[in-house]
Amino acid sequence: MSNNTFKMLNFACGSRIHPDWVNIDFSPIDNRVKKVNLLSTLPFKNDSFDVAYSSHFLEHLHPNKAVQILKEIKRILKPNGIVRIVVPDLQNMVQVYLDTLKKIESYMQNNMLDSSKKSMGGGGIMKLMLPSLHNMIGLCLKYSTKWLEYKVAAI
């Protein structure tokens, strides 16, 4: 079976629009995207798609809403249909965070106690690193996706 015989859905597509797919989003950016409220019943018949895809959408939802959407995707997929969902890699973000902490700790041990190294108006490079560290902590907390592993199995 070649790709052009598949019926493919790109849900919550944003700016990722493909001409061979049915592209849907709550806020379409152009006429190649159909406006659909993804938080309600999808306007497609049961077993109507071979493939469904979404990237960086589900992590923005409350877990119950994400499960509701996944149930809808399951409903509109044909038997043995394929779903591909991309969400942030929490393990990778946590590893980056931990690596950053180690670098900061090493820097502090090696340089921060030496006052001759404190340039840039006090605080040295730490002054520049702290906003990035703060953002990384926020990202790690925001994108916790552990719930998805458990909930998907129940659908």
C-alpha atoms as a PDB file:
ATOM      1  CA  MET A   1       0.000   0.000   0.000  1.00  0.00           C
ATOM      2  CA  SER A   2       1.572   3.345  -1.003  1.00  0.00           C
ATOM      3  CA  ASN A   3       1.363   6.520   1.061  1.00  0.00           C
ATOM      4  CA  ASN A   4      -1.126   8.204  -1.288  1.00  0.00           C
ATOM      5  CA  THR A   5      -3.747   5.533  -0.538  1.00  0.00           C
ATOM      6  CA  PHE A   6      -3.598   6.250   3.194  1.00  0.00           C
ATOM      7  CA  LYS A   7      -6.001   8.704   4.747  1.00  0.00           C
ATOM      8  CA  MET A   8      -3.907  10.694   7.215  1.00  0.00           C
ATOM      9  CA  LEU A   9      -4.888  13.167   9.953  1.00  0.00           C
ATOM     10  CA  ASN A  10      -2.594  15.851  11.322  1.00  0.00           C
ATOM     11  CA  PHE A  11      -4.369  17.105  14.456  1.00  0.00           C
ATOM     12  CA  ALA A  12      -3.414  20.315  16.263  1.00  0.00           C
ATOM     13  CA  CYS A  13      -1.166  20.930  13.295  1.00  0.00           C
ATOM     14  CA  GLY A  14      -0.280  24.561  13.985  1.00  0.00           C
ATOM     15  CA  SER A  15       2.142  25.564  11.243  1.00  0.00           C
ATOM     16  CA  ARG A  16       3.069  21.923  10.397  1.00  0.00           C
ATOM     17  CA  ILE A  17       0.818  21.613   7.360  1.00  0.00           C
ATOM     18  CA  HIS A  18       1.166  18.838   4.794  1.00  0.00           C
ATOM     19  CA  PRO A  19      -0.806  18.853   1.535  1.00  0.00           C
ATOM     20  CA  ASP A  20      -1.406  15.068   1.575  1.00  0.00           C
ATOM     21  CA  TRP A  21      -2.911  15.106   5.080  1.00  0.00           C
ATOM     22  CA  VAL A  22      -6.156  16.330   6.595  1.00  0.00           C
ATOM     23  CA  ASN A  23      -4.822  19.182   8.733  1.00  0.00           C
ATOM     24  CA  ILE A  24      -6.967  20.348  11.657  1.00  0.00           C
ATOM     25  CA  ASP A  25      -6.445  22.929  14.382  1.00  0.00           C
ATOM     26  CA  PHE A  26      -8.517  25.089  16.731  1.00  0.00           C
ATOM     27  CA  SER A  27      -6.836  28.212  15.301  1.00  0.00           C
ATOM     28  CA  PRO A  28      -6.078  27.575  11.616  1.00  0.00           C
ATOM     29  CA  ILE A  29      -3.348  29.728  10.134  1.00  0.00           C
ATOM     30  CA  ASP A  30      -4.508  29.368   6.518  1.00  0.00           C
ATOM     31  CA  ASN A  31      -7.104  27.721   4.277  1.00  0.00           C
ATOM     32  CA  ARG A  32      -5.273  24.359   4.171  1.00  0.00           C
ATOM     33  CA  VAL A  33      -6.271  23.810   7.805  1.00  0.00           C
ATOM     34  CA  LYS A  34      -9.796  22.962   8.901  1.00  0.00           C
ATOM     35  CA  LYS A  35     -11.012  24.650  12.087  1.00  0.00           C
ATOM     36  CA  VAL A  36     -11.933  21.942  14.609  1.00  0.00           C
ATOM     37  CA  ASN A  37     -12.462  22.106  18.352  1.00  0.00           C
ATOM     38  CA  LEU A  38     -10.183  19.280  19.430  1.00  0.00           C
ATOM     39  CA  LEU A  39     -11.692  19.240  22.905  1.00  0.00           C
ATOM     40  CA  SER A  40     -15.008  17.942  21.611  1.00  0.00           C
ATOM     41  CA  THR A  41     -16.098  15.076  19.358  1.00  0.00           C
ATOM     42  CA  LEU A  42     -14.064  15.076  16.151  1.00  0.00           C
ATOM     43  CA  PRO A  43     -16.145  15.556  12.984  1.00  0.00           C
ATOM     44  CA  PHE A  44     -15.085  12.279  11.375  1.00  0.00           C
ATOM     45  CA  LYS A  45     -16.690   8.861  11.103  1.00  0.00           C
ATOM     46  CA  ASN A  46     -15.428   5.842  13.020  1.00  0.00           C
ATOM     47  CA  ASP A  47     -12.554   3.989  11.340  1.00  0.00           C
ATOM     48  CA  SER A  48     -11.953   6.732   8.786  1.00  0.00           C
ATOM     49  CA  PHE A  49      -8.173   7.308   9.038  1.00  0.00           C
ATOM     50  CA  ASP A  50      -5.155   5.065   8.551  1.00  0.00           C
ATOM     51  CA  VAL A  51      -2.755   7.397  10.328  1.00  0.00           C
ATOM     52  CA  ALA A  52      -3.014  10.185  12.926  1.00  0.00           C
ATOM     53  CA  TYR A  53      -0.180  12.494  13.952  1.00  0.00           C
ATOM     54  CA  SER A  54       0.322  15.334  16.415  1.00  0.00           C
ATOM     55  CA  SER A  55       3.409  17.140  17.668  1.00  0.00           C
ATOM     56  CA  HIS A  56       3.809  19.072  20.911  1.00  0.00           C
ATOM     57  CA  PHE A  57       0.114  19.419  21.663  1.00  0.00           C
ATOM     58  CA  LEU A  58      -0.918  16.944  24.350  1.00  0.00           C
ATOM     59  CA  GLU A  59       1.524  18.247  26.960  1.00  0.00           C
ATOM     60  CA  HIS A  60      -0.421  21.522  27.051  1.00  0.00           C
ATOM     61  CA  LEU A  61      -3.611  19.830  28.224  1.00  0.00           C
ATOM     62  CA  HIS A  62      -4.963  18.573  31.509  1.00  0.00           C
ATOM     63  CA  PRO A  63      -4.425  14.794  31.561  1.00  0.00           C
ATOM     64  CA  ASN A  64      -8.186  14.078  31.392  1.00  0.00           C
ATOM     65  CA  LYS A  65      -8.532  16.204  28.238  1.00  0.00           C
ATOM     66  CA  ALA A  66      -5.533  14.505  26.642  1.00  0.00           C
ATOM     67  CA  VAL A  67      -7.071  11.084  27.313  1.00  0.00           C
ATOM     68  CA  GLN A  68     -10.379  12.299  25.835  1.00  0.00           C
ATOM     69  CA  ILE A  69      -8.592  13.346  22.622  1.00  0.00           C
ATOM     70  CA  LEU A  70      -6.718  10.048  22.440  1.00  0.00           C
ATOM     71  CA  LYS A  71     -10.013   8.172  22.723  1.00  0.00           C
ATOM     72  CA  GLU A  72     -11.361  10.225  19.824  1.00  0.00           C
ATOM     73  CA  ILE A  73      -8.251   9.443  17.773  1.00  0.00           C
ATOM     74  CA  LYS A  74      -8.691   5.756  18.535  1.00  0.00           C
ATOM     75  CA  ARG A  75     -12.340   5.997  17.415  1.00  0.00           C
ATOM     76  CA  ILE A  76     -11.512   7.541  14.035  1.00  0.00           C
ATOM     77  CA  LEU A  77      -8.535   5.280  13.305  1.00  0.00           C
ATOM     78  CA  LYS A  78      -9.119   2.165  11.233  1.00  0.00           C
ATOM     79  CA  PRO A  79      -8.275  -1.171  12.831  1.00  0.00           C
ATOM     80  CA  ASN A  80      -4.475  -1.468  12.959  1.00  0.00           C
ATOM     81  CA  GLY A  81      -4.228   2.279  12.319  1.00  0.00           C
ATOM     82  CA  ILE A  82      -1.087   4.125  13.294  1.00  0.00           C
ATOM     83  CA  VAL A  83      -0.891   7.055  15.698  1.00  0.00           C
ATOM     84  CA  ARG A  84       2.296   9.033  16.240  1.00  0.00           C
ATOM     85  CA  ILE A  85       2.334  11.580  19.022  1.00  0.00           C
ATOM     86  CA  VAL A  86       5.353  13.694  19.828  1.00  0.00           C
ATOM     87  CA  VAL A  87       5.723  15.148  23.329  1.00  0.00           C
ATOM     88  CA  PRO A  88       8.769  16.639  25.064  1.00  0.00           C
ATOM     89  CA  ASP A  89      11.375  14.193  26.314  1.00  0.00           C
ATOM     90  CA  LEU A  90      11.286  14.697  30.079  1.00  0.00           C
ATOM     91  CA  GLN A  91      14.272  12.431  30.681  1.00  0.00           C
ATOM     92  CA  ASN A  92      16.392  14.510  28.292  1.00  0.00           C
ATOM     93  CA  MET A  93      15.290  17.793  29.898  1.00  0.00           C
ATOM     94  CA  VAL A  94      16.055  16.498  33.385  1.00  0.00           C
ATOM     95  CA  GLN A  95      19.485  15.306  32.228  1.00  0.00           C
ATOM     96  CA  VAL A  96      20.237  18.735  30.735  1.00  0.00           C
ATOM     97  CA  TYR A  97      19.122  20.307  34.003  1.00  0.00           C
ATOM     98  CA  LEU A  98      21.351  18.008  36.087  1.00  0.00           C
ATOM     99  CA  ASP A  99      24.304  18.575  33.756  1.00  0.00           C
ATOM    100  CA  THR A 100      23.786  22.340  34.100  1.00  0.00           C
ATOM    101  CA  LEU A 101      23.758  22.058  37.893  1.00  0.00           C
ATOM    102  CA  LYS A 102      27.047  20.138  37.783  1.00  0.00           C
ATOM    103  CA  LYS A 103      28.624  22.816  35.567  1.00  0.00           C
ATOM    104  CA  ILE A 104      27.443  25.574  37.890  1.00  0.00           C
ATOM    105  CA  GLU A 105      28.718  23.718  40.945  1.00  0.00           C
ATOM    106  CA  SER A 106      32.083  23.144  39.272  1.00  0.00           C
ATOM    107  CA  TYR A 107      32.287  26.760  38.196  1.00  0.00           C
ATOM    108  CA  MET A 108      31.442  27.973  41.681  1.00  0.00           C
ATOM    109  CA  GLN A 109      34.037  25.713  43.277  1.00  0.00           C
ATOM    110  CA  ASN A 110      36.729  26.742  40.801  1.00  0.00           C
ATOM    111  CA  ASN A 111      35.992  30.407  40.165  1.00  0.00           C
ATOM    112  CA  MET A 112      33.393  32.089  42.322  1.00  0.00           C
ATOM    113  CA  LEU A 113      35.564  32.237  45.452  1.00  0.00           C
ATOM    114  CA  ASP A 114      38.296  34.011  43.521  1.00  0.00           C
ATOM    115  CA  SER A 115      37.219  37.652  43.636  1.00  0.00           C
ATOM    116  CA  SER A 116      39.629  38.550  40.847  1.00  0.00           C
ATOM    117  CA  LYS A 117      37.447  36.470  38.481  1.00  0.00           C
ATOM    118  CA  LYS A 118      34.292  38.443  39.317  1.00  0.00           C
ATOM    119  CA  SER A 119      33.929  40.703  36.353  1.00  0.00           C
ATOM    120  CA  MET A 120      30.755  41.932  34.687  1.00  0.00           C
ATOM    121  CA  GLY A 121      29.679  44.084  37.643  1.00  0.00           C
ATOM    122  CA  GLY A 122      29.563  41.506  40.419  1.00  0.00           C
ATOM    123  CA  GLY A 123      28.422  37.925  40.200  1.00  0.00           C
ATOM    124  CA  GLY A 124      30.519  37.216  37.135  1.00  0.00           C
ATOM    125  CA  ILE A 125      29.193  34.642  34.718  1.00  0.00           C
ATOM    126  CA  MET A 126      26.743  33.339  37.334  1.00  0.00           C
ATOM    127  CA  LYS A 127      24.713  36.477  36.710  1.00  0.00           C
ATOM    128  CA  LEU A 128      24.314  35.317  33.113  1.00  0.00           C
ATOM    129  CA  MET A 129      23.705  31.637  33.940  1.00  0.00           C
ATOM    130  CA  LEU A 130      20.949  32.025  36.548  1.00  0.00           C
ATOM    131  CA  PRO A 131      18.141  33.042  34.118  1.00  0.00           C
ATOM    132  CA  SER A 132      18.884  29.979  31.978  1.00  0.00           C
ATOM    133  CA  LEU A 133      18.867  27.758  35.048  1.00  0.00           C
ATOM    134  CA  HIS A 134      15.562  29.251  36.174  1.00  0.00           C
ATOM    135  CA  ASN A 135      14.032  28.623  32.727  1.00  0.00           C
ATOM    136  CA  MET A 136      15.263  25.010  32.729  1.00  0.00           C
ATOM    137  CA  ILE A 137      13.692  24.377  36.145  1.00  0.00           C
ATOM    138  CA  GLY A 138      10.397  25.787  34.849  1.00  0.00           C
ATOM    139  CA  LEU A 139      10.519  23.626  31.722  1.00  0.00           C
ATOM    140  CA  CYS A 140      11.249  20.476  33.706  1.00  0.00           C
ATOM    141  CA  LEU A 141       8.257  21.087  35.936  1.00  0.00           C
ATOM    142  CA  LYS A 142       5.942  22.167  33.108  1.00  0.00           C
ATOM    143  CA  TYR A 143       6.557  19.196  30.836  1.00  0.00           C
ATOM    144  CA  SER A 144       6.116  16.320  33.225  1.00  0.00           C
ATOM    145  CA  THR A 145       4.647  13.616  30.991  1.00  0.00           C
ATOM    146  CA  LYS A 146       4.731  10.628  33.333  1.00  0.00           C
ATOM    147  CA  TRP A 147       0.917  10.555  33.472  1.00  0.00           C
ATOM    148  CA  LEU A 148       0.775   9.857  29.740  1.00  0.00           C
ATOM    149  CA  GLU A 149       2.596   6.520  30.096  1.00  0.00           C
ATOM    150  CA  TYR A 150      -0.021   5.214  32.495  1.00  0.00           C
ATOM    151  CA  LYS A 151      -3.164   6.683  30.946  1.00  0.00           C
ATOM    152  CA  VAL A 152      -2.574   5.604  27.344  1.00  0.00           C
ATOM    153  CA  ALA A 153      -2.544   1.948  28.324  1.00  0.00           C
ATOM    154  CA  ALA A 154      -6.061   2.342  29.720  1.00  0.00           C
ATOM    155  CA  ILE A 155      -7.591   3.712  26.522  1.00  0.00           C
END
